Amino acid sequence: MIRAVVSNEMFTILLMVGLVFVALAKVLHAKRFDNFVYLPGNSKYLLIHTRDQKFFDRFDALLFVNLIISTSIFICICFEVFNGSLDYSLDFMLKLLIAVTSFILIKVLIERLLGSIFDMDPIIDNYLFQKTSYKNYFGLLLIPINALFIYTFEPNKTVIFSVFGVFFILILMGLVVSFKVHQNALRQNMFYFILYLCALEIAPYIILIKLLQVFTVI
């Protein structure tokens, strides 16, 4: 458990900010939010809202803010578990928030660019919407998980890896949904699909882990 008073105050503020954005998503898009909370066990949300997706979606944007905040808090908890004590200064948190935001947005922009280059915009747009939905859902799950780790339960490496396991399961579910929807197109381009997975789904996270290791030393 992260017991430093200053750190707890900062994390409390961040958790509250994340909850505010989730609450805004719930208030402004009540029906859509109700469908969203059942995302893993029900494809209704994806079937309904994939057709209505836009380049900038307010509902996804609100949940994306919480995803950034919750992910940054969880990364700090991981640092605490794997590397011992860490200086959770405001400057450190701002850098971490910017780094996480930049990583996700740059990755999305590259994927959209590749979709345009290979004339696969509809497929890529649907895939990104499905993947973003599952990531935002994980951000929602991180709120109680982070609160539990900060205030109640002292996590260990096994617990942290279990949370990572949940994340990858959700990402895998998004991939399975996309494969089912576009299975004919993907079967005809299986080599490029596997290449895509390695280049844009696996490699970036390996690079991110290495960057975070460097980031903790700076």
Protein backbone atom coordinates (compact mmCIF):
# COMPACT_ATOMS: atom_id res chain seq x y z
CA MET A 1 0.00 0.00 0.00
CA ILE A 2 1.22 3.51 -0.80
CA ARG A 3 1.21 5.13 2.64
CA ALA A 4 2.96 8.46 2.10
CA VAL A 5 0.48 11.20 3.06
CA VAL A 6 1.46 13.51 0.21
CA SER A 7 1.20 10.71 -2.32
CA ASN A 8 -2.20 9.65 -1.03
CA GLU A 9 -3.51 13.20 -1.29
CA MET A 10 -2.32 13.50 -4.89
CA PHE A 11 -3.74 10.10 -5.82
CA THR A 12 -7.02 10.95 -4.11
CA ILE A 13 -7.35 14.09 -6.22
CA LEU A 14 -6.54 12.16 -9.40
CA LEU A 15 -9.02 9.42 -8.54
CA MET A 16 -11.72 12.03 -7.93
CA VAL A 17 -10.96 13.74 -11.25
CA GLY A 18 -11.26 10.39 -13.02
CA LEU A 19 -14.58 9.71 -11.27
CA VAL A 20 -15.86 13.15 -12.32
CA PHE A 21 -15.21 12.37 -15.99
CA VAL A 22 -16.87 8.96 -15.65
CA ALA A 23 -19.85 10.63 -13.97
CA LEU A 24 -20.06 13.15 -16.83
CA ALA A 25 -20.09 10.28 -19.33
CA LYS A 26 -22.87 8.65 -17.34
CA VAL A 27 -24.96 11.84 -17.07
CA LEU A 28 -24.50 13.03 -20.65
CA HIS A 29 -24.86 9.58 -22.23
CA ALA A 30 -26.92 7.59 -19.72
CA LYS A 31 -28.29 4.94 -22.08
CA ARG A 32 -24.97 4.41 -23.82
CA PHE A 33 -23.18 4.12 -20.48
CA ASP A 34 -25.66 1.49 -19.30
CA ASN A 35 -24.84 -0.57 -22.40
CA PHE A 36 -21.13 0.08 -21.98
CA VAL A 37 -20.88 -1.41 -18.47
CA TYR A 38 -21.93 -4.80 -19.87
CA LEU A 39 -19.39 -4.66 -22.71
CA PRO A 40 -17.37 -7.85 -21.96
CA GLY A 41 -20.40 -10.13 -21.88
CA ASN A 42 -22.61 -8.42 -24.42
CA SER A 43 -21.81 -7.25 -27.94
CA LYS A 44 -24.89 -4.97 -28.01
CA TYR A 45 -22.83 -1.88 -27.27
CA LEU A 46 -20.43 -2.50 -30.16
CA LEU A 47 -23.20 -3.43 -32.60
CA ILE A 48 -25.14 -0.25 -31.84
CA HIS A 49 -22.41 2.34 -31.56
CA THR A 50 -19.87 1.16 -34.13
CA ARG A 51 -22.20 2.51 -36.81
CA ASP A 52 -22.44 5.91 -35.09
CA GLN A 53 -18.75 6.42 -34.36
CA LYS A 54 -17.09 9.75 -35.14
CA PHE A 55 -13.49 10.92 -35.33
CA PHE A 56 -14.07 12.75 -32.02
CA ASP A 57 -16.58 11.03 -29.78
CA ARG A 58 -17.47 12.89 -26.55
CA PHE A 59 -18.40 9.73 -24.66
CA ASP A 60 -15.12 7.99 -25.52
CA ALA A 61 -13.17 11.20 -24.84
CA LEU A 62 -14.58 11.47 -21.31
CA LEU A 63 -13.74 7.86 -20.55
CA PHE A 64 -10.34 8.30 -22.20
CA VAL A 65 -9.42 10.98 -19.63
CA ASN A 66 -10.20 8.51 -16.86
CA LEU A 67 -8.17 5.84 -18.69
CA ILE A 68 -5.13 8.13 -18.74
CA ILE A 69 -5.46 9.04 -15.07
CA SER A 70 -6.17 5.50 -13.87
CA THR A 71 -3.36 4.02 -15.98
CA SER A 72 -0.88 6.59 -14.66
CA ILE A 73 -1.84 5.82 -11.06
CA PHE A 74 -1.52 2.10 -11.71
CA ILE A 75 1.93 2.61 -13.25
CA CYS A 76 2.99 4.42 -10.06
CA ILE A 77 1.74 1.48 -8.01
CA CYS A 78 3.73 -0.87 -10.25
CA PHE A 79 6.84 1.24 -9.68
CA GLU A 80 6.26 0.96 -5.95
CA VAL A 81 5.93 -2.83 -6.11
CA PHE A 82 8.82 -3.56 -8.49
CA ASN A 83 11.29 -0.76 -7.73
CA GLY A 84 10.58 0.23 -4.14
CA SER A 85 9.99 3.83 -3.07
CA LEU A 86 9.52 6.55 -5.68
CA ASP A 87 9.23 10.34 -5.53
CA TYR A 88 5.59 10.98 -6.44
CA SER A 89 6.02 14.68 -7.07
CA LEU A 90 3.60 16.78 -9.09
CA ASP A 91 6.24 17.17 -11.79
CA PHE A 92 6.66 13.40 -12.01
CA MET A 93 2.90 12.83 -12.32
CA LEU A 94 2.52 15.48 -15.02
CA LYS A 95 5.33 13.89 -17.04
CA LEU A 96 3.76 10.47 -16.60
CA LEU A 97 0.30 11.69 -17.63
CA ILE A 98 1.76 13.35 -20.73
CA ALA A 99 3.81 10.24 -21.57
CA VAL A 100 0.83 7.88 -21.31
CA THR A 101 -1.40 10.24 -23.31
CA SER A 102 1.23 10.69 -26.03
CA PHE A 103 1.86 6.95 -26.28
CA ILE A 104 -1.81 6.09 -26.80
CA LEU A 105 -2.59 8.97 -29.18
CA ILE A 106 0.52 8.48 -31.33
CA LYS A 107 -0.26 4.76 -31.58
CA VAL A 108 -3.82 5.50 -32.72
CA LEU A 109 -2.67 8.07 -35.26
CA ILE A 110 -0.14 5.63 -36.74
CA GLU A 111 -2.85 2.96 -37.00
CA ARG A 112 -5.19 5.41 -38.75
CA LEU A 113 -2.38 6.45 -41.09
CA LEU A 114 -1.70 2.83 -42.04
CA GLY A 115 -5.43 2.32 -42.60
CA SER A 116 -5.43 5.21 -45.06
CA ILE A 117 -2.26 4.05 -46.81
CA PHE A 118 -3.61 0.54 -47.37
CA ASP A 119 -7.13 1.79 -48.12
CA MET A 120 -8.61 -0.02 -45.11
CA ASP A 121 -10.22 2.94 -43.32
CA PRO A 122 -13.59 1.26 -42.52
CA ILE A 123 -11.92 -1.84 -41.07
CA ILE A 124 -9.35 0.14 -39.08
CA ASP A 125 -11.98 2.59 -37.80
CA ASN A 126 -14.19 -0.24 -36.55
CA TYR A 127 -11.24 -2.05 -35.03
CA LEU A 128 -9.99 1.07 -33.24
CA PHE A 129 -13.48 1.78 -31.88
CA GLN A 130 -13.75 -1.75 -30.50
CA LYS A 131 -10.25 -1.64 -29.03
CA THR A 132 -10.80 1.81 -27.52
CA SER A 133 -14.02 0.61 -25.93
CA TYR A 134 -12.27 -2.29 -24.20
CA LYS A 135 -9.41 -0.04 -23.06
CA ASN A 136 -11.86 2.48 -21.62
CA TYR A 137 -13.61 -0.39 -19.86
CA PHE A 138 -10.29 -1.40 -18.33
CA GLY A 139 -9.85 2.21 -17.19
CA LEU A 140 -13.19 1.91 -15.44
CA LEU A 141 -12.06 -1.28 -13.68
CA LEU A 142 -8.84 0.42 -12.58
CA ILE A 143 -10.70 2.95 -10.41
CA PRO A 144 -11.67 0.48 -7.64
CA ILE A 145 -8.46 -1.52 -8.18
CA ASN A 146 -6.27 1.57 -7.67
CA ALA A 147 -8.32 2.69 -4.66
CA LEU A 148 -7.95 -0.75 -3.10
CA PHE A 149 -4.18 -0.79 -3.65
CA ILE A 150 -3.68 2.74 -2.33
CA TYR A 151 -5.87 2.71 0.76
CA THR A 152 -6.51 -0.90 1.79
CA PHE A 153 -4.53 -3.71 0.24
CA GLU A 154 -0.78 -3.85 -0.27
CA PRO A 155 -0.27 -5.40 -3.73
CA ASN A 156 2.49 -7.82 -4.60
CA LYS A 157 3.95 -8.86 -7.94
CA THR A 158 1.46 -11.70 -8.35
CA VAL A 159 -1.49 -9.35 -7.95
CA ILE A 160 0.02 -6.82 -10.35
CA PHE A 161 0.56 -9.51 -12.99
CA SER A 162 -3.04 -10.60 -12.47
CA VAL A 163 -4.23 -7.08 -13.30
CA PHE A 164 -2.04 -7.12 -16.41
CA GLY A 165 -3.67 -10.43 -17.26
CA VAL A 166 -7.12 -8.83 -17.08
CA PHE A 167 -5.93 -6.05 -19.39
CA PHE A 168 -4.59 -8.45 -22.02
CA ILE A 169 -7.74 -10.56 -21.83
CA LEU A 170 -9.83 -7.46 -22.60
CA ILE A 171 -7.53 -6.53 -25.49
CA LEU A 172 -7.75 -10.12 -26.76
CA MET A 173 -11.54 -9.95 -26.58
CA GLY A 174 -11.43 -6.83 -28.75
CA LEU A 175 -9.22 -8.64 -31.27
CA VAL A 176 -11.57 -11.63 -31.35
CA VAL A 177 -14.59 -9.39 -31.95
CA SER A 178 -12.76 -7.60 -34.78
CA PHE A 179 -11.67 -10.90 -36.29
CA LYS A 180 -15.24 -12.23 -36.28
CA VAL A 181 -16.59 -9.10 -37.94
CA HIS A 182 -13.87 -8.92 -40.60
CA GLN A 183 -12.81 -12.56 -40.78
CA ASN A 184 -13.11 -12.82 -44.57
CA ALA A 185 -10.88 -9.81 -45.19
CA LEU A 186 -8.40 -10.89 -42.52
CA ARG A 187 -8.11 -14.44 -43.82
CA GLN A 188 -7.13 -13.09 -47.22
CA ASN A 189 -4.44 -10.93 -45.57
CA MET A 190 -3.40 -13.11 -42.64
CA PHE A 191 0.31 -12.36 -43.08
CA TYR A 192 -0.31 -8.60 -42.87
CA PHE A 193 -2.62 -9.11 -39.89
CA ILE A 194 0.07 -11.03 -37.98
CA LEU A 195 2.63 -8.41 -38.98
CA TYR A 196 0.28 -5.72 -37.72
CA LEU A 197 -0.15 -7.48 -34.36
CA CYS A 198 3.60 -7.74 -33.87
CA ALA A 199 4.38 -4.19 -35.02
CA LEU A 200 1.53 -2.22 -33.45
CA GLU A 201 0.10 -4.40 -30.69
CA ILE A 202 3.09 -6.13 -29.11
CA ALA A 203 6.20 -4.08 -29.92
CA PRO A 204 4.83 -0.73 -28.62
CA TYR A 205 4.16 -2.17 -25.17
CA ILE A 206 7.63 -3.68 -25.00
CA ILE A 207 9.07 -0.28 -25.94
CA LEU A 208 6.85 1.39 -23.34
CA ILE A 209 8.13 -0.90 -20.59
CA LYS A 210 11.72 -0.07 -21.54
CA LEU A 211 10.95 3.66 -21.60
CA LEU A 212 9.30 3.47 -18.19
CA GLN A 213 12.38 1.78 -16.81
CA VAL A 214 14.49 4.66 -18.11
CA PHE A 215 11.89 7.15 -16.92
CA THR A 216 12.22 5.99 -13.31
CA VAL A 217 15.95 6.60 -13.38
CA ILE A 218 15.70 10.18 -14.71
